[in-house]
Amino acid sequence: MSTLPPSIPTIVVRPSDAAAAYGKVGRGGLETDAGGGGFGAVLQRAIQGAVDAGHAADEKSMQAITGGGNLTDVVTAVSRAELALQSATAIRDRVVQAYQDIMKMPI
């Protein structure tokens, strides 16, 4: 029997929610979620999530070093931290590229 651990979230997207989001963007609504704040707030939460994943990986690693941790938890936490760092790096690269493209535009 193969089940996912309860700590791995699953994402369910209903077509009606997707259509509502597309409609909101089409009407000029820039709020990305219920938390509000726009792109800057979303970016801040994403960065904080990456930092939190790194701290969790450090904590699990220290527990394993002292003999109190589970190896599976350590590997999972480190993998999540690595994925978060890769995502943050990819976003940073895209933002820098967009900035460079804008600066190359003629006035």
Protein backbone atom coordinates (compact mmCIF):
# COMPACT_ATOMS: atom_id res chain seq x y z
CA MET A 1 0.00 0.00 0.00
CA SER A 2 1.56 3.28 -1.16
CA THR A 3 0.42 6.42 0.59
CA LEU A 4 2.01 9.82 0.79
CA PRO A 5 3.19 11.07 4.16
CA PRO A 6 0.76 13.60 5.64
CA SER A 7 3.38 16.38 5.39
CA ILE A 8 3.40 16.38 1.56
CA PRO A 9 0.66 18.73 0.40
CA THR A 10 -1.47 17.96 -2.61
CA ILE A 11 -2.83 20.66 -4.86
CA VAL A 12 -6.36 20.39 -6.17
CA VAL A 13 -7.37 22.84 -8.89
CA ARG A 14 -11.01 22.96 -9.82
CA PRO A 15 -11.85 24.29 -13.30
CA SER A 16 -14.21 26.86 -11.80
CA ASP A 17 -11.41 28.25 -9.60
CA ALA A 18 -9.04 28.44 -12.57
CA ALA A 19 -11.68 30.22 -14.67
CA ALA A 20 -12.35 32.68 -11.84
CA ALA A 21 -8.62 33.42 -11.52
CA TYR A 22 -8.25 34.00 -15.26
CA GLY A 23 -11.29 36.26 -15.19
CA LYS A 24 -9.90 38.25 -12.30
CA VAL A 25 -6.61 38.82 -14.11
CA GLY A 26 -8.51 39.77 -17.26
CA ARG A 27 -10.42 42.43 -15.31
CA GLY A 28 -7.15 43.88 -14.03
CA GLY A 29 -7.27 42.30 -10.57
CA LEU A 30 -3.66 41.97 -9.50
CA GLU A 31 -4.28 40.46 -6.08
CA THR A 32 -2.84 36.97 -6.31
CA ASP A 33 -4.53 35.40 -3.32
CA ALA A 34 -6.63 36.05 -0.26
CA GLY A 35 -3.55 37.30 1.61
CA GLY A 36 -3.37 40.29 -0.72
CA GLY A 37 -0.46 42.61 -1.13
CA GLY A 38 0.27 41.88 -4.76
CA PHE A 39 3.43 40.51 -6.30
CA GLY A 40 5.80 41.86 -3.65
CA ALA A 41 3.91 40.16 -0.83
CA VAL A 42 3.77 36.87 -2.72
CA LEU A 43 7.50 37.07 -3.41
CA GLN A 44 8.21 37.83 0.25
CA ARG A 45 6.16 34.82 1.38
CA ALA A 46 7.96 32.60 -1.14
CA ILE A 47 11.37 33.73 0.11
CA GLN A 48 10.30 33.22 3.72
CA GLY A 49 9.10 29.73 2.81
CA ALA A 50 12.52 28.92 1.32
CA VAL A 51 14.27 30.21 4.45
CA ASP A 52 11.91 28.21 6.68
CA ALA A 53 12.59 25.05 4.62
CA GLY A 54 16.33 25.59 5.13
CA HIS A 55 15.88 25.99 8.87
CA ALA A 56 13.74 22.84 9.02
CA ALA A 57 16.42 20.90 7.13
CA ASP A 58 19.08 22.16 9.55
CA GLU A 59 16.96 21.18 12.52
CA LYS A 60 16.28 17.67 11.19
CA SER A 61 19.97 17.23 10.37
CA MET A 62 21.01 18.24 13.87
CA GLN A 63 18.48 15.80 15.34
CA ALA A 64 19.95 13.00 13.21
CA ILE A 65 23.51 13.91 14.19
CA THR A 66 22.62 13.71 17.87
CA GLY A 67 20.92 10.36 17.31
CA GLY A 68 17.34 11.49 17.78
CA GLY A 69 16.19 11.90 14.21
CA ASN A 70 14.79 9.74 11.48
CA LEU A 71 16.86 9.46 8.29
CA THR A 72 13.76 9.63 6.09
CA ASP A 73 12.73 12.92 7.73
CA VAL A 74 16.23 14.32 7.18
CA VAL A 75 16.28 13.38 3.49
CA THR A 76 12.78 14.79 2.98
CA ALA A 77 13.61 18.07 4.73
CA VAL A 78 16.87 18.49 2.82
CA SER A 79 15.13 17.73 -0.48
CA ARG A 80 12.45 20.33 0.26
CA ALA A 81 15.10 22.91 1.13
CA GLU A 82 16.99 22.12 -2.08
CA LEU A 83 13.83 22.46 -4.17
CA ALA A 84 12.96 25.76 -2.47
CA LEU A 85 16.45 27.10 -3.15
CA GLN A 86 16.31 26.01 -6.80
CA SER A 87 12.92 27.69 -7.18
CA ALA A 88 14.15 30.91 -5.59
CA THR A 89 17.19 30.90 -7.86
CA ALA A 90 15.03 30.37 -10.96
CA ILE A 91 12.72 33.22 -9.94
CA ARG A 92 15.69 35.49 -9.31
CA ASP A 93 17.14 34.68 -12.72
CA ARG A 94 13.82 35.44 -14.41
CA VAL A 95 13.47 38.77 -12.59
CA VAL A 96 17.02 39.80 -13.52
CA GLN A 97 16.42 38.80 -17.15
CA ALA A 98 13.16 40.79 -17.24
CA TYR A 99 14.94 43.82 -15.79
CA GLN A 100 17.70 43.55 -18.39
CA ASP A 101 15.14 43.23 -21.18
CA ILE A 102 13.31 46.33 -19.97
CA MET A 103 16.57 48.30 -19.78
CA LYS A 104 17.37 47.35 -23.41
CA MET A 105 14.07 48.79 -24.67
CA PRO A 106 14.38 52.02 -26.62
CA ILE A 107 12.65 55.04 -25.17
